[in-house]
Amino acid sequence: MSAVATVLRSDHRAGTGHAIAAGIAGAWLAIHFGGIFAFPLTTASLVWVVPLVLVQTWLSTGLFIVAHDCMHGSFAPGRAAVNRTVGRLALMFYAGLDYDKMLPNHFAHHRHVGTEADPDFDAANPTRPVKWLARFFGTYYSHWQIVRIVVVLGFYQLIGASLINIIVFWAIPALLALLQLFWFGTFLPHRHAHDVFPDRHNARSSRFGPWLSVLTCFNFGGYHHEHHLHPHVAWWRLPATRTEGKA
């Protein structure tokens, strides 16, 4: 227990998380604006499109995870205004999402995980990903999100962006990131399966290796049970909770 407490305390003095988040956001912005405004979609350039879209998908997932850390206060421990500001910006960049609307839903998820009261869980379809995804999307979709996206889209086109570039470098990565977050960060950890959940958190870890865990969902698949056990630990510290817990 003291070893895990050390991990928790270490988040208060580590600037590593800020540097990682800045790297994610900086790379995302570079591909976003570079792809939308400076990338010619020609036959010769198409060989680069798929790799860039895949990287931007992963970075979009990363923006969401940064916002998630902000919700739990682990991005900037003890600095609520910083967490709120960074979280709002990360979700707005990602897909025009409303941080303040998502925050209470996420804490409801932690309070009622895997039950009918859990907004992220589909109690009627605990083994059916397509129906569960539809419910998941409906929970967080809002008309105001679409309004915000349309306003930005219109502005981008007004200053010279191509609609197809906007779709390729913003819309497609955002939608693929939604699937990535749902599959690895929600469905696999909380679905009903032959294996029994280890405790009342109704969550399991996917037991991916360290690199695959980061690549799939920034440790929220590979260490999802650990997250529910230690929700105030930043995503990049989750592997340490398992290692330290066994020490």
Protein backbone atom coordinates (compact mmCIF):
# COMPACT_ATOMS: atom_id res chain seq x y z
CA MET A 1 0.00 0.00 0.00
CA SER A 2 2.82 2.43 0.88
CA ALA A 3 4.47 1.71 -2.48
CA VAL A 4 1.30 2.67 -4.35
CA ALA A 5 0.99 5.77 -2.17
CA THR A 6 4.49 6.72 -3.30
CA VAL A 7 3.31 6.50 -6.91
CA LEU A 8 0.37 8.75 -6.09
CA ARG A 9 2.56 11.32 -4.35
CA SER A 10 5.09 11.31 -7.17
CA ASP A 11 2.47 12.69 -9.56
CA HIS A 12 2.44 15.89 -7.52
CA ARG A 13 6.05 16.72 -8.27
CA ALA A 14 6.50 15.25 -11.75
CA GLY A 15 6.51 17.51 -14.77
CA THR A 16 6.79 14.51 -17.04
CA GLY A 17 3.04 14.36 -17.63
CA HIS A 18 2.96 17.99 -18.75
CA ALA A 19 5.80 17.39 -21.19
CA ILE A 20 4.10 14.30 -22.63
CA ALA A 21 0.79 16.15 -22.97
CA ALA A 22 2.54 19.06 -24.68
CA GLY A 23 4.14 16.61 -27.11
CA ILE A 24 0.79 14.99 -27.90
CA ALA A 25 -0.93 18.34 -28.39
CA GLY A 26 1.95 19.80 -30.41
CA ALA A 27 2.11 16.81 -32.77
CA TRP A 28 -1.68 16.81 -33.12
CA LEU A 29 -1.75 20.52 -34.00
CA ALA A 30 1.11 20.11 -36.49
CA ILE A 31 -0.67 17.33 -38.39
CA HIS A 32 -4.05 19.02 -38.05
CA PHE A 33 -3.04 22.38 -39.51
CA GLY A 34 -0.35 21.00 -41.80
CA GLY A 35 -2.73 18.40 -43.20
CA ILE A 36 -5.67 20.75 -43.61
CA PHE A 37 -3.85 23.78 -44.99
CA ALA A 38 -0.58 22.58 -46.50
CA PHE A 39 -0.95 18.97 -47.61
CA PRO A 40 -1.72 18.53 -51.32
CA LEU A 41 -3.94 15.50 -51.79
CA THR A 42 -2.44 14.25 -55.03
CA THR A 43 -1.77 10.76 -56.36
CA ALA A 44 1.88 11.10 -55.38
CA SER A 45 1.07 12.19 -51.80
CA LEU A 46 -1.51 9.51 -51.07
CA VAL A 47 1.19 7.14 -49.83
CA TRP A 48 1.55 9.43 -46.79
CA VAL A 49 -2.15 9.84 -46.06
CA VAL A 50 -2.80 6.53 -44.31
CA PRO A 51 0.22 6.78 -41.94
CA LEU A 52 -0.64 10.39 -41.10
CA VAL A 53 -4.29 9.57 -40.45
CA LEU A 54 -3.33 6.64 -38.21
CA VAL A 55 -0.88 8.78 -36.24
CA GLN A 56 -3.48 11.55 -35.93
CA THR A 57 -6.04 9.00 -34.74
CA TRP A 58 -3.68 7.88 -31.98
CA LEU A 59 -2.89 11.49 -31.06
CA SER A 60 -6.63 12.28 -30.97
CA THR A 61 -7.06 9.41 -28.53
CA GLY A 62 -4.20 10.94 -26.56
CA LEU A 63 -5.98 14.30 -26.37
CA PHE A 64 -8.99 12.56 -24.90
CA ILE A 65 -6.81 10.75 -22.35
CA VAL A 66 -5.17 14.04 -21.34
CA ALA A 67 -8.65 15.48 -20.76
CA HIS A 68 -9.52 12.34 -18.79
CA ASP A 69 -6.52 12.90 -16.52
CA CYS A 70 -7.73 16.47 -16.06
CA MET A 71 -11.13 15.16 -14.93
CA HIS A 72 -9.42 13.17 -12.19
CA GLY A 73 -7.10 16.04 -11.27
CA SER A 74 -3.99 14.02 -12.09
CA PHE A 75 -2.76 16.31 -14.86
CA ALA A 76 -2.10 19.16 -12.44
CA PRO A 77 -2.75 17.88 -8.90
CA GLY A 78 -4.24 20.51 -6.62
CA ARG A 79 -4.77 23.00 -9.48
CA ALA A 80 -8.41 22.71 -10.45
CA ALA A 81 -8.38 25.71 -12.81
CA VAL A 82 -5.44 24.29 -14.79
CA ASN A 83 -7.08 20.87 -15.07
CA ARG A 84 -10.34 22.44 -16.20
CA THR A 85 -8.71 24.70 -18.80
CA VAL A 86 -6.47 22.01 -20.29
CA GLY A 87 -9.30 19.48 -20.28
CA ARG A 88 -11.64 21.85 -22.08
CA LEU A 89 -9.04 22.67 -24.72
CA ALA A 90 -8.09 19.04 -25.31
CA LEU A 91 -11.69 17.94 -25.90
CA MET A 92 -12.47 20.99 -28.01
CA PHE A 93 -9.47 20.33 -30.25
CA TYR A 94 -10.31 16.64 -30.51
CA ALA A 95 -13.93 16.91 -31.64
CA GLY A 96 -15.68 19.95 -30.20
CA LEU A 97 -16.70 17.97 -27.10
CA ASP A 98 -18.04 19.63 -23.96
CA TYR A 99 -15.71 18.91 -21.03
CA ASP A 100 -18.20 20.22 -18.47
CA LYS A 101 -20.90 17.87 -19.75
CA MET A 102 -18.58 14.86 -19.81
CA LEU A 103 -17.17 15.42 -16.32
CA PRO A 104 -20.26 14.42 -14.28
CA ASN A 105 -20.93 11.50 -16.61
CA HIS A 106 -17.42 10.19 -16.10
CA PHE A 107 -17.70 10.32 -12.33
CA ALA A 108 -21.08 8.58 -12.60
CA HIS A 109 -19.25 5.87 -14.54
CA HIS A 110 -16.82 5.41 -11.65
CA ARG A 111 -19.57 5.41 -9.01
CA HIS A 112 -21.86 2.96 -10.83
CA VAL A 113 -19.44 1.09 -13.09
CA GLY A 114 -20.97 -1.80 -14.98
CA THR A 115 -24.54 -1.15 -13.83
CA GLU A 116 -27.65 0.39 -15.41
CA ALA A 117 -26.72 3.71 -13.78
CA ASP A 118 -23.34 3.74 -15.58
CA PRO A 119 -23.62 6.13 -18.58
CA ASP A 120 -20.73 4.35 -20.35
CA PHE A 121 -22.21 0.86 -19.96
CA ASP A 122 -25.02 -0.78 -21.92
CA ALA A 123 -26.68 -3.10 -19.41
CA ALA A 124 -29.04 -4.38 -22.11
CA ASN A 125 -26.16 -5.34 -24.42
CA PRO A 126 -23.13 -6.14 -22.26
CA THR A 127 -21.63 -8.41 -24.93
CA ARG A 128 -22.75 -6.65 -28.13
CA PRO A 129 -20.29 -3.92 -29.19
CA VAL A 130 -22.31 -2.39 -32.03
CA LYS A 131 -25.41 -1.67 -29.96
CA TRP A 132 -23.28 -0.63 -27.03
CA LEU A 133 -21.34 1.78 -29.26
CA ALA A 134 -24.58 3.33 -30.51
CA ARG A 135 -25.66 3.98 -26.93
CA PHE A 136 -22.20 5.26 -26.03
CA PHE A 137 -22.25 7.70 -28.95
CA GLY A 138 -25.75 8.86 -28.11
CA THR A 139 -24.75 9.61 -24.54
CA TYR A 140 -22.07 12.09 -25.52
CA TYR A 141 -23.37 13.48 -28.81
CA SER A 142 -24.90 16.96 -28.63
CA HIS A 143 -26.29 19.41 -31.15
CA TRP A 144 -23.94 22.05 -29.76
CA GLN A 145 -20.98 19.84 -30.62
CA ILE A 146 -22.12 19.80 -34.24
CA VAL A 147 -22.63 23.58 -34.17
CA ARG A 148 -19.08 24.10 -32.91
CA ILE A 149 -17.65 21.78 -35.56
CA VAL A 150 -19.64 23.47 -38.34
CA VAL A 151 -18.47 26.92 -37.22
CA VAL A 152 -14.80 25.83 -37.27
CA LEU A 153 -15.29 24.01 -40.57
CA GLY A 154 -16.81 27.14 -42.11
CA PHE A 155 -13.97 29.30 -40.82
CA TYR A 156 -11.35 26.89 -42.17
CA GLN A 157 -12.97 26.94 -45.60
CA LEU A 158 -13.25 30.71 -45.47
CA ILE A 159 -9.46 31.00 -45.08
CA GLY A 160 -8.71 28.55 -47.83
CA ALA A 161 -8.98 24.98 -46.51
CA SER A 162 -10.35 22.20 -48.70
CA LEU A 163 -13.33 20.27 -47.36
CA ILE A 164 -11.72 16.96 -48.30
CA ASN A 165 -8.57 17.88 -46.33
CA ILE A 166 -10.73 18.74 -43.32
CA ILE A 167 -12.47 15.38 -43.57
CA VAL A 168 -9.22 13.43 -44.01
CA PHE A 169 -7.18 15.14 -41.30
CA TRP A 170 -9.84 15.98 -38.70
CA ALA A 171 -13.13 14.11 -39.16
CA ILE A 172 -11.73 10.67 -39.98
CA PRO A 173 -9.12 10.65 -37.17
CA ALA A 174 -11.74 11.86 -34.68
CA LEU A 175 -14.16 9.08 -35.64
CA LEU A 176 -11.45 6.41 -35.63
CA ALA A 177 -10.31 7.65 -32.21
CA LEU A 178 -13.88 7.27 -30.96
CA LEU A 179 -13.78 3.62 -32.05
CA GLN A 180 -10.35 3.17 -30.46
CA LEU A 181 -11.46 4.68 -27.16
CA PHE A 182 -14.66 2.66 -27.11
CA TRP A 183 -13.12 -0.69 -28.06
CA PHE A 184 -9.98 -0.63 -25.93
CA GLY A 185 -11.01 1.76 -23.16
CA THR A 186 -14.66 0.81 -22.59
CA PHE A 187 -15.90 -2.37 -24.27
CA LEU A 188 -13.00 -4.76 -23.66
CA PRO A 189 -12.47 -3.71 -20.01
CA HIS A 190 -16.18 -3.76 -19.05
CA ARG A 191 -17.84 -6.30 -21.34
CA HIS A 192 -19.37 -9.43 -19.88
CA ALA A 193 -17.27 -12.48 -20.75
CA HIS A 194 -16.37 -15.92 -19.45
CA ASP A 195 -13.80 -14.49 -17.04
CA VAL A 196 -15.11 -13.05 -13.78
CA PHE A 197 -14.35 -9.45 -12.85
CA PRO A 198 -11.75 -9.32 -10.06
CA ASP A 199 -13.79 -7.05 -7.77
CA ARG A 200 -16.67 -4.58 -7.44
CA HIS A 201 -15.15 -2.26 -10.05
CA ASN A 202 -16.46 -4.54 -12.83
CA ALA A 203 -13.32 -3.83 -14.84
CA ARG A 204 -10.50 -5.92 -16.23
CA SER A 205 -7.11 -5.08 -17.67
CA SER A 206 -6.28 -6.40 -21.13
CA ARG A 207 -2.76 -7.37 -20.04
CA PHE A 208 -1.12 -5.95 -23.14
CA GLY A 209 2.60 -5.42 -23.09
CA PRO A 210 3.82 -1.91 -22.21
CA TRP A 211 4.17 -0.61 -25.77
CA LEU A 212 0.96 -2.19 -27.04
CA SER A 213 -0.88 -0.81 -24.03
CA VAL A 214 0.21 2.73 -24.93
CA LEU A 215 -0.46 2.26 -28.64
CA THR A 216 -3.97 0.87 -28.17
CA CYS A 217 -5.36 3.35 -25.64
CA PHE A 218 -2.66 5.08 -23.60
CA ASN A 219 -2.77 2.35 -20.92
CA PHE A 220 -6.55 2.51 -20.47
CA GLY A 221 -6.95 -0.94 -21.95
CA GLY A 222 -3.87 -2.65 -20.63
CA TYR A 223 -4.27 -1.18 -17.14
CA HIS A 224 -7.98 -0.38 -16.90
CA HIS A 225 -8.57 -2.22 -13.64
CA GLU A 226 -5.60 -0.38 -12.16
CA HIS A 227 -7.21 2.88 -13.23
CA HIS A 228 -10.40 2.05 -11.34
CA LEU A 229 -8.36 1.08 -8.30
CA HIS A 230 -6.28 4.28 -8.48
CA PRO A 231 -8.28 6.85 -10.49
CA HIS A 232 -6.06 9.77 -9.47
CA VAL A 233 -2.95 8.25 -11.04
CA ALA A 234 -2.07 9.72 -14.45
CA TRP A 235 -2.25 7.40 -17.46
CA TRP A 236 1.51 7.18 -17.88
CA ARG A 237 1.92 6.10 -14.23
CA LEU A 238 -0.59 3.25 -14.34
CA PRO A 239 1.97 0.50 -15.11
CA ALA A 240 3.84 1.51 -11.96
CA THR A 241 0.74 0.86 -9.82
CA ARG A 242 0.78 -2.78 -10.89
CA THR A 243 4.54 -3.12 -10.46
CA GLU A 244 4.60 -1.32 -7.11
CA GLY A 245 1.52 -3.17 -5.89
CA LYS A 246 3.40 -6.45 -6.31
CA ALA A 247 6.56 -5.20 -4.61
